[in-house]
N, C-alpha and C. Protein backbone atom coordinates (compact mmCIF):
# COMPACT_ATOMS: atom_id res chain seq x y z
N UNK A 1 118.80 54.25 66.25
CA UNK A 1 118.75 55.63 66.77
C UNK A 1 118.75 55.61 68.30
N UNK A 2 119.31 56.65 68.89
CA UNK A 2 119.35 56.71 70.35
C UNK A 2 118.00 57.20 70.90
N UNK A 3 117.77 56.99 72.18
CA UNK A 3 116.51 57.43 72.78
C UNK A 3 116.35 58.94 72.62
N UNK A 4 117.44 59.67 72.84
CA UNK A 4 117.38 61.13 72.70
C UNK A 4 117.01 61.50 71.27
N UNK A 5 117.55 60.76 70.31
CA UNK A 5 117.26 61.02 68.91
C UNK A 5 115.79 60.78 68.61
N UNK A 6 115.25 59.67 69.17
CA UNK A 6 113.83 59.36 68.95
C UNK A 6 112.96 60.44 69.54
N UNK A 7 113.31 60.90 70.75
CA UNK A 7 112.53 61.95 71.40
C UNK A 7 112.58 63.22 70.57
N UNK A 8 113.74 63.54 70.04
CA UNK A 8 113.89 64.75 69.22
C UNK A 8 113.00 64.65 67.99
N UNK A 9 113.01 63.47 67.36
CA UNK A 9 112.17 63.26 66.17
C UNK A 9 110.71 63.39 66.55
N UNK A 10 110.33 62.83 67.70
CA UNK A 10 108.93 62.88 68.14
C UNK A 10 108.51 64.32 68.38
N UNK A 11 109.34 65.07 69.08
CA UNK A 11 109.03 66.48 69.36
C UNK A 11 108.92 67.26 68.06
N UNK A 12 109.80 66.93 67.11
CA UNK A 12 109.78 67.63 65.82
C UNK A 12 108.47 67.35 65.09
N UNK A 13 108.04 66.08 65.08
CA UNK A 13 106.79 65.72 64.42
C UNK A 13 105.62 66.41 65.09
N UNK A 14 105.60 66.44 66.42
CA UNK A 14 104.53 67.08 67.16
C UNK A 14 104.52 68.58 66.86
N UNK A 15 105.70 69.17 66.77
CA UNK A 15 105.80 70.60 66.49
C UNK A 15 105.19 70.91 65.12
N UNK A 16 105.48 70.06 64.13
CA UNK A 16 104.92 70.27 62.80
C UNK A 16 103.40 70.17 62.86
N UNK A 17 102.90 69.23 63.66
CA UNK A 17 101.46 69.04 63.78
C UNK A 17 100.83 70.30 64.36
N UNK A 18 101.43 70.86 65.41
CA UNK A 18 100.90 72.07 66.02
C UNK A 18 100.94 73.23 65.03
N UNK A 19 102.02 73.32 64.27
CA UNK A 19 102.14 74.41 63.30
C UNK A 19 101.06 74.29 62.23
N UNK A 20 100.73 73.06 61.84
CA UNK A 20 99.72 72.85 60.80
C UNK A 20 98.33 73.19 61.33
N UNK A 21 98.07 72.85 62.60
CA UNK A 21 96.74 73.05 63.16
C UNK A 21 96.58 74.46 63.72
N UNK A 22 97.68 75.19 63.87
CA UNK A 22 97.60 76.54 64.44
C UNK A 22 96.95 77.50 63.45
N UNK A 23 95.94 78.25 63.88
CA UNK A 23 95.27 79.21 63.01
C UNK A 23 96.16 80.40 62.68
N UNK A 24 96.41 80.62 61.41
CA UNK A 24 97.26 81.74 61.02
C UNK A 24 96.81 82.29 59.68
């Protein structure tokens, strides 16, 4: 995978984490 691809995957994983921890 390219560096940009890894960063995209990382951001995606972090986004899911924030969505899970976000109070709703």
